[in-house]
ModelCIF file with pLDDT and N, C-alpha, C, O atoms, coordinates in Angstrom:
data_MODEL
#
_entry.id   MODEL 
#
_entity.id                         1 
_entity.type                       polymer 
_entity.pdbx_number_of_molecules   1 
#
_entity_poly.entity_id                      1 
_entity_poly.type                           'polypeptide(L)' 
_entity_poly.nstd_linkage                   no 
_entity_poly.nstd_monomer                   no 
_entity_poly.pdbx_seq_one_letter_code       SAKMAAAGWEGLLRSTPAGTMVMKNWKNA 
_entity_poly.pdbx_seq_one_letter_code_can   SAKMAAAGWEGLLRSTPAGTMVMKNWKNA 
_entity_poly.pdbx_strand_id                 A 
#
loop_
_entity_poly_seq.entity_id 
_entity_poly_seq.num 
_entity_poly_seq.mon_id 
_entity_poly_seq.hetero 
1 1  SER n 
1 2  ALA n 
1 3  LYS n 
1 4  MET n 
1 5  ALA n 
1 6  ALA n 
1 7  ALA n 
1 8  GLY n 
1 9  TRP n 
1 10 GLU n 
1 11 GLY n 
1 12 LEU n 
1 13 LEU n 
1 14 ARG n 
1 15 SER n 
1 16 THR n 
1 17 PRO n 
1 18 ALA n 
1 19 GLY n 
1 20 THR n 
1 21 MET n 
1 22 VAL n 
1 23 MET n 
1 24 LYS n 
1 25 ASN n 
1 26 TRP n 
1 27 LYS n 
1 28 ASN n 
1 29 ALA n 
#
_struct_asym.id          A 
_struct_asym.entity_id   1 
#
loop_
_ma_qa_metric.id 
_ma_qa_metric.mode 
_ma_qa_metric.name 
_ma_qa_metric.software_group_id 
_ma_qa_metric.type 
1 global pLDDT . pLDDT 
2 local  pLDDT . pLDDT 
#
_ma_qa_metric_global.metric_id      1 
_ma_qa_metric_global.metric_value   92.17 
_ma_qa_metric_global.model_id       1 
_ma_qa_metric_global.ordinal_id     1 
#
loop_
_ma_qa_metric_local.label_asym_id 
_ma_qa_metric_local.label_comp_id 
_ma_qa_metric_local.label_seq_id 
_ma_qa_metric_local.metric_id 
_ma_qa_metric_local.metric_value 
_ma_qa_metric_local.model_id 
_ma_qa_metric_local.ordinal_id 
A SER 1  2 90.00 1 1  
A ALA 2  2 87.00 1 2  
A LYS 3  2 90.00 1 3  
A MET 4  2 87.00 1 4  
A ALA 5  2 86.00 1 5  
A ALA 6  2 89.00 1 6  
A ALA 7  2 90.00 1 7  
A GLY 8  2 89.00 1 8  
A TRP 9  2 92.00 1 9  
A GLU 10 2 93.00 1 10 
A GLY 11 2 92.00 1 11 
A LEU 12 2 93.00 1 12 
A LEU 13 2 95.00 1 13 
A ARG 14 2 94.00 1 14 
A SER 15 2 93.00 1 15 
A THR 16 2 95.00 1 16 
A PRO 17 2 94.00 1 17 
A ALA 18 2 95.00 1 18 
A GLY 19 2 95.00 1 19 
A THR 20 2 95.00 1 20 
A MET 21 2 94.00 1 21 
A VAL 22 2 95.00 1 22 
A MET 23 2 94.00 1 23 
A LYS 24 2 93.00 1 24 
A ASN 25 2 92.00 1 25 
A TRP 26 2 94.00 1 26 
A LYS 27 2 93.00 1 27 
A ASN 28 2 92.00 1 28 
A ALA 29 2 92.00 1 29 
#
loop_
_atom_site.group_PDB 
_atom_site.id 
_atom_site.type_symbol 
_atom_site.label_atom_id 
_atom_site.label_alt_id 
_atom_site.label_comp_id 
_atom_site.label_asym_id 
_atom_site.label_entity_id 
_atom_site.label_seq_id 
_atom_site.pdbx_PDB_ins_code 
_atom_site.Cartn_x 
_atom_site.Cartn_y 
_atom_site.Cartn_z 
_atom_site.occupancy 
_atom_site.B_iso_or_equiv 
_atom_site.pdbx_formal_charge 
_atom_site.auth_seq_id 
_atom_site.auth_comp_id 
_atom_site.auth_asym_id 
_atom_site.auth_atom_id 
_atom_site.pdbx_PDB_model_num 
ATOM 1   N N  . SER A 1 1  ? -3.579 7.706  -1.153  1.00 90.00 ? 1  SER A N  1 
ATOM 2   C CA . SER A 1 1  ? -4.300 8.265  -2.368  1.00 90.00 ? 1  SER A CA 1 
ATOM 3   C C  . SER A 1 1  ? -4.090 7.511  -3.749  1.00 90.00 ? 1  SER A C  1 
ATOM 4   O O  . SER A 1 1  ? -3.458 6.460  -3.852  1.00 90.00 ? 1  SER A O  1 
ATOM 5   N N  . ALA A 1 2  ? -4.789 8.278  -4.945  1.00 87.00 ? 2  ALA A N  1 
ATOM 6   C CA . ALA A 1 2  ? -4.603 7.510  -5.975  1.00 87.00 ? 2  ALA A CA 1 
ATOM 7   C C  . ALA A 1 2  ? -2.928 7.912  -6.361  1.00 87.00 ? 2  ALA A C  1 
ATOM 8   O O  . ALA A 1 2  ? -2.209 7.036  -6.842  1.00 87.00 ? 2  ALA A O  1 
ATOM 9   N N  . LYS A 1 3  ? -2.556 8.888  -6.180  1.00 90.00 ? 3  LYS A N  1 
ATOM 10  C CA . LYS A 1 3  ? -1.095 9.407  -7.039  1.00 90.00 ? 3  LYS A CA 1 
ATOM 11  C C  . LYS A 1 3  ? -0.131 8.290  -6.313  1.00 90.00 ? 3  LYS A C  1 
ATOM 12  O O  . LYS A 1 3  ? 0.907  7.870  -6.824  1.00 90.00 ? 3  LYS A O  1 
ATOM 13  N N  . MET A 1 4  ? -0.727 7.815  -4.837  1.00 87.00 ? 4  MET A N  1 
ATOM 14  C CA . MET A 1 4  ? 0.386  6.536  -4.313  1.00 87.00 ? 4  MET A CA 1 
ATOM 15  C C  . MET A 1 4  ? 0.378  5.500  -5.288  1.00 87.00 ? 4  MET A C  1 
ATOM 16  O O  . MET A 1 4  ? 1.449  5.034  -5.678  1.00 87.00 ? 4  MET A O  1 
ATOM 17  N N  . ALA A 1 5  ? -0.769 5.066  -5.747  1.00 86.00 ? 5  ALA A N  1 
ATOM 18  C CA . ALA A 1 5  ? -1.459 3.917  -6.615  1.00 86.00 ? 5  ALA A CA 1 
ATOM 19  C C  . ALA A 1 5  ? -0.338 4.210  -7.992  1.00 86.00 ? 5  ALA A C  1 
ATOM 20  O O  . ALA A 1 5  ? 0.402  3.402  -8.554  1.00 86.00 ? 5  ALA A O  1 
ATOM 21  N N  . ALA A 1 6  ? -0.493 5.301  -8.193  1.00 89.00 ? 6  ALA A N  1 
ATOM 22  C CA . ALA A 1 6  ? -0.160 5.674  -9.873  1.00 89.00 ? 6  ALA A CA 1 
ATOM 23  C C  . ALA A 1 6  ? 1.734  5.514  -9.767  1.00 89.00 ? 6  ALA A C  1 
ATOM 24  O O  . ALA A 1 6  ? 2.405  5.363  -10.788 1.00 89.00 ? 6  ALA A O  1 
ATOM 25  N N  . ALA A 1 7  ? 2.260  5.574  -8.581  1.00 90.00 ? 7  ALA A N  1 
ATOM 26  C CA . ALA A 1 7  ? 3.769  5.425  -8.333  1.00 90.00 ? 7  ALA A CA 1 
ATOM 27  C C  . ALA A 1 7  ? 3.966  4.143  -8.475  1.00 90.00 ? 7  ALA A C  1 
ATOM 28  O O  . ALA A 1 7  ? 5.086  3.771  -8.825  1.00 90.00 ? 7  ALA A O  1 
ATOM 29  N N  . GLY A 1 8  ? 2.895  3.158  -8.230  1.00 89.00 ? 8  GLY A N  1 
ATOM 30  C CA . GLY A 1 8  ? 3.347  1.930  -8.155  1.00 89.00 ? 8  GLY A CA 1 
ATOM 31  C C  . GLY A 1 8  ? 3.934  1.293  -6.916  1.00 89.00 ? 8  GLY A C  1 
ATOM 32  O O  . GLY A 1 8  ? 4.837  0.456  -6.900  1.00 89.00 ? 8  GLY A O  1 
ATOM 33  N N  . TRP A 1 9  ? 3.197  1.885  -5.721  1.00 92.00 ? 9  TRP A N  1 
ATOM 34  C CA . TRP A 1 9  ? 3.538  1.598  -4.700  1.00 92.00 ? 9  TRP A CA 1 
ATOM 35  C C  . TRP A 1 9  ? 3.253  0.447  -4.034  1.00 92.00 ? 9  TRP A C  1 
ATOM 36  O O  . TRP A 1 9  ? 3.806  0.147  -2.976  1.00 92.00 ? 9  TRP A O  1 
ATOM 37  N N  . GLU A 1 10 ? 2.308  -0.318 -4.656  1.00 93.00 ? 10 GLU A N  1 
ATOM 38  C CA . GLU A 1 10 ? 1.529  -1.781 -4.243  1.00 93.00 ? 10 GLU A CA 1 
ATOM 39  C C  . GLU A 1 10 ? 2.628  -2.578 -4.280  1.00 93.00 ? 10 GLU A C  1 
ATOM 40  O O  . GLU A 1 10 ? 3.083  -3.174 -3.304  1.00 93.00 ? 10 GLU A O  1 
ATOM 41  N N  . GLY A 1 11 ? 3.125  -2.607 -5.533  1.00 92.00 ? 11 GLY A N  1 
ATOM 42  C CA . GLY A 1 11 ? 4.077  -3.574 -6.086  1.00 92.00 ? 11 GLY A CA 1 
ATOM 43  C C  . GLY A 1 11 ? 5.314  -3.676 -5.030  1.00 92.00 ? 11 GLY A C  1 
ATOM 44  O O  . GLY A 1 11 ? 5.848  -4.781 -4.934  1.00 92.00 ? 11 GLY A O  1 
ATOM 45  N N  . LEU A 1 12 ? 5.747  -2.741 -4.329  1.00 93.00 ? 12 LEU A N  1 
ATOM 46  C CA . LEU A 1 12 ? 6.920  -2.313 -3.448  1.00 93.00 ? 12 LEU A CA 1 
ATOM 47  C C  . LEU A 1 12 ? 6.366  -2.720 -2.336  1.00 93.00 ? 12 LEU A C  1 
ATOM 48  O O  . LEU A 1 12 ? 7.182  -3.465 -1.794  1.00 93.00 ? 12 LEU A O  1 
ATOM 49  N N  . LEU A 1 13 ? 5.277  -2.618 -1.611  1.00 95.00 ? 13 LEU A N  1 
ATOM 50  C CA . LEU A 1 13 ? 5.085  -3.334 -0.385  1.00 95.00 ? 13 LEU A CA 1 
ATOM 51  C C  . LEU A 1 13 ? 4.268  -4.417 -0.496  1.00 95.00 ? 13 LEU A C  1 
ATOM 52  O O  . LEU A 1 13 ? 3.677  -4.707 0.545   1.00 95.00 ? 13 LEU A O  1 
ATOM 53  N N  . ARG A 1 14 ? 4.052  -5.119 -1.472  1.00 94.00 ? 14 ARG A N  1 
ATOM 54  C CA . ARG A 1 14 ? 3.137  -6.497 -1.695  1.00 94.00 ? 14 ARG A CA 1 
ATOM 55  C C  . ARG A 1 14 ? 4.050  -7.640 -1.149  1.00 94.00 ? 14 ARG A C  1 
ATOM 56  O O  . ARG A 1 14 ? 5.157  -7.921 -1.607  1.00 94.00 ? 14 ARG A O  1 
ATOM 57  N N  . SER A 1 15 ? 3.305  -8.381 0.102   1.00 93.00 ? 15 SER A N  1 
ATOM 58  C CA . SER A 1 15 ? 3.929  -9.253 1.068   1.00 93.00 ? 15 SER A CA 1 
ATOM 59  C C  . SER A 1 15 ? 5.164  -8.931 1.770   1.00 93.00 ? 15 SER A C  1 
ATOM 60  O O  . SER A 1 15 ? 6.268  -9.460 1.649   1.00 93.00 ? 15 SER A O  1 
ATOM 61  N N  . THR A 1 16 ? 4.646  -7.601 2.820   1.00 95.00 ? 16 THR A N  1 
ATOM 62  C CA . THR A 1 16 ? 5.713  -7.218 3.402   1.00 95.00 ? 16 THR A CA 1 
ATOM 63  C C  . THR A 1 16 ? 5.196  -6.767 4.821   1.00 95.00 ? 16 THR A C  1 
ATOM 64  O O  . THR A 1 16 ? 3.993  -6.511 4.884   1.00 95.00 ? 16 THR A O  1 
ATOM 65  N N  . PRO A 1 17 ? 5.954  -6.636 5.975   1.00 94.00 ? 17 PRO A N  1 
ATOM 66  C CA . PRO A 1 17 ? 5.034  -6.537 6.756   1.00 94.00 ? 17 PRO A CA 1 
ATOM 67  C C  . PRO A 1 17 ? 4.404  -4.849 6.781   1.00 94.00 ? 17 PRO A C  1 
ATOM 68  O O  . PRO A 1 17 ? 3.362  -4.491 7.329   1.00 94.00 ? 17 PRO A O  1 
ATOM 69  N N  . ALA A 1 18 ? 5.154  -4.180 6.192   1.00 95.00 ? 18 ALA A N  1 
ATOM 70  C CA . ALA A 1 18 ? 4.766  -2.751 5.882   1.00 95.00 ? 18 ALA A CA 1 
ATOM 71  C C  . ALA A 1 18 ? 3.524  -2.710 5.029   1.00 95.00 ? 18 ALA A C  1 
ATOM 72  O O  . ALA A 1 18 ? 2.773  -1.745 5.169   1.00 95.00 ? 18 ALA A O  1 
ATOM 73  N N  . GLY A 1 19 ? 3.266  -3.539 4.265   1.00 95.00 ? 19 GLY A N  1 
ATOM 74  C CA . GLY A 1 19 ? 2.538  -3.645 3.370   1.00 95.00 ? 19 GLY A CA 1 
ATOM 75  C C  . GLY A 1 19 ? 0.997  -4.132 4.134   1.00 95.00 ? 19 GLY A C  1 
ATOM 76  O O  . GLY A 1 19 ? -0.103 -3.650 3.864   1.00 95.00 ? 19 GLY A O  1 
ATOM 77  N N  . THR A 1 20 ? 1.237  -5.035 4.979   1.00 95.00 ? 20 THR A N  1 
ATOM 78  C CA . THR A 1 20 ? 0.002  -5.450 6.054   1.00 95.00 ? 20 THR A CA 1 
ATOM 79  C C  . THR A 1 20 ? -0.333 -4.690 6.536   1.00 95.00 ? 20 THR A C  1 
ATOM 80  O O  . THR A 1 20 ? -1.524 -4.463 6.323   1.00 95.00 ? 20 THR A O  1 
ATOM 81  N N  . MET A 1 21 ? 0.358  -3.771 7.479   1.00 94.00 ? 21 MET A N  1 
ATOM 82  C CA . MET A 1 21 ? -0.013 -2.780 8.012   1.00 94.00 ? 21 MET A CA 1 
ATOM 83  C C  . MET A 1 21 ? -0.865 -1.416 7.670   1.00 94.00 ? 21 MET A C  1 
ATOM 84  O O  . MET A 1 21 ? -1.531 -0.670 8.388   1.00 94.00 ? 21 MET A O  1 
ATOM 85  N N  . VAL A 1 22 ? -0.550 -1.408 6.224   1.00 95.00 ? 22 VAL A N  1 
ATOM 86  C CA . VAL A 1 22 ? -1.093 -0.522 5.294   1.00 95.00 ? 22 VAL A CA 1 
ATOM 87  C C  . VAL A 1 22 ? -2.309 -1.020 4.890   1.00 95.00 ? 22 VAL A C  1 
ATOM 88  O O  . VAL A 1 22 ? -3.081 -0.087 4.669   1.00 95.00 ? 22 VAL A O  1 
ATOM 89  N N  . MET A 1 23 ? -2.928 -2.364 4.654   1.00 94.00 ? 23 MET A N  1 
ATOM 90  C CA . MET A 1 23 ? -3.908 -3.098 4.531   1.00 94.00 ? 23 MET A CA 1 
ATOM 91  C C  . MET A 1 23 ? -4.994 -2.635 5.653   1.00 94.00 ? 23 MET A C  1 
ATOM 92  O O  . MET A 1 23 ? -5.990 -1.935 5.468   1.00 94.00 ? 23 MET A O  1 
ATOM 93  N N  . LYS A 1 24 ? -4.450 -3.314 7.074   1.00 93.00 ? 24 LYS A N  1 
ATOM 94  C CA . LYS A 1 24 ? -4.939 -3.150 7.973   1.00 93.00 ? 24 LYS A CA 1 
ATOM 95  C C  . LYS A 1 24 ? -5.299 -1.637 8.320   1.00 93.00 ? 24 LYS A C  1 
ATOM 96  O O  . LYS A 1 24 ? -6.499 -1.449 8.523   1.00 93.00 ? 24 LYS A O  1 
ATOM 97  N N  . ASN A 1 25 ? -4.652 -0.776 8.401   1.00 92.00 ? 25 ASN A N  1 
ATOM 98  C CA . ASN A 1 25 ? -5.005 0.417  9.015   1.00 92.00 ? 25 ASN A CA 1 
ATOM 99  C C  . ASN A 1 25 ? -4.932 1.992  8.095   1.00 92.00 ? 25 ASN A C  1 
ATOM 100 O O  . ASN A 1 25 ? -5.018 3.149  8.506   1.00 92.00 ? 25 ASN A O  1 
ATOM 101 N N  . TRP A 1 26 ? -4.753 1.486  6.828   1.00 94.00 ? 26 TRP A N  1 
ATOM 102 C CA . TRP A 1 26 ? -5.088 2.734  5.786   1.00 94.00 ? 26 TRP A CA 1 
ATOM 103 C C  . TRP A 1 26 ? -6.681 2.784  5.331   1.00 94.00 ? 26 TRP A C  1 
ATOM 104 O O  . TRP A 1 26 ? -7.450 1.824  5.371   1.00 94.00 ? 26 TRP A O  1 
ATOM 105 N N  . LYS A 1 27 ? -6.873 3.602  5.061   1.00 93.00 ? 27 LYS A N  1 
ATOM 106 C CA . LYS A 1 27 ? -8.096 4.399  4.462   1.00 93.00 ? 27 LYS A CA 1 
ATOM 107 C C  . LYS A 1 27 ? -8.101 4.136  2.654   1.00 93.00 ? 27 LYS A C  1 
ATOM 108 O O  . LYS A 1 27 ? -7.901 5.169  2.015   1.00 93.00 ? 27 LYS A O  1 
ATOM 109 N N  . ASN A 1 28 ? -8.246 3.255  2.087   1.00 92.00 ? 28 ASN A N  1 
ATOM 110 C CA . ASN A 1 28 ? -8.621 3.084  0.498   1.00 92.00 ? 28 ASN A CA 1 
ATOM 111 C C  . ASN A 1 28 ? -7.453 2.208  0.111   1.00 92.00 ? 28 ASN A C  1 
ATOM 112 O O  . ASN A 1 28 ? -7.000 2.058  -1.024  1.00 92.00 ? 28 ASN A O  1 
ATOM 113 N N  . ALA A 1 29 ? -7.092 1.727  1.086   1.00 92.00 ? 29 ALA A N  1 
ATOM 114 C CA . ALA A 1 29 ? -5.389 1.008  1.122   1.00 92.00 ? 29 ALA A CA 1 
ATOM 115 C C  . ALA A 1 29 ? -5.734 -0.098 -0.041  1.00 92.00 ? 29 ALA A C  1 
ATOM 116 O O  . ALA A 1 29 ? -4.870 -0.890 -0.417  1.00 92.00 ? 29 ALA A O  1 
#
């Protein structure tokens, strides 16, 4: 969601296994 982006979570997940999972499996990732 937009609120997750506003929290800056992208930077915390970048280049991590969890971040890869989010990119592949979440809508609007």
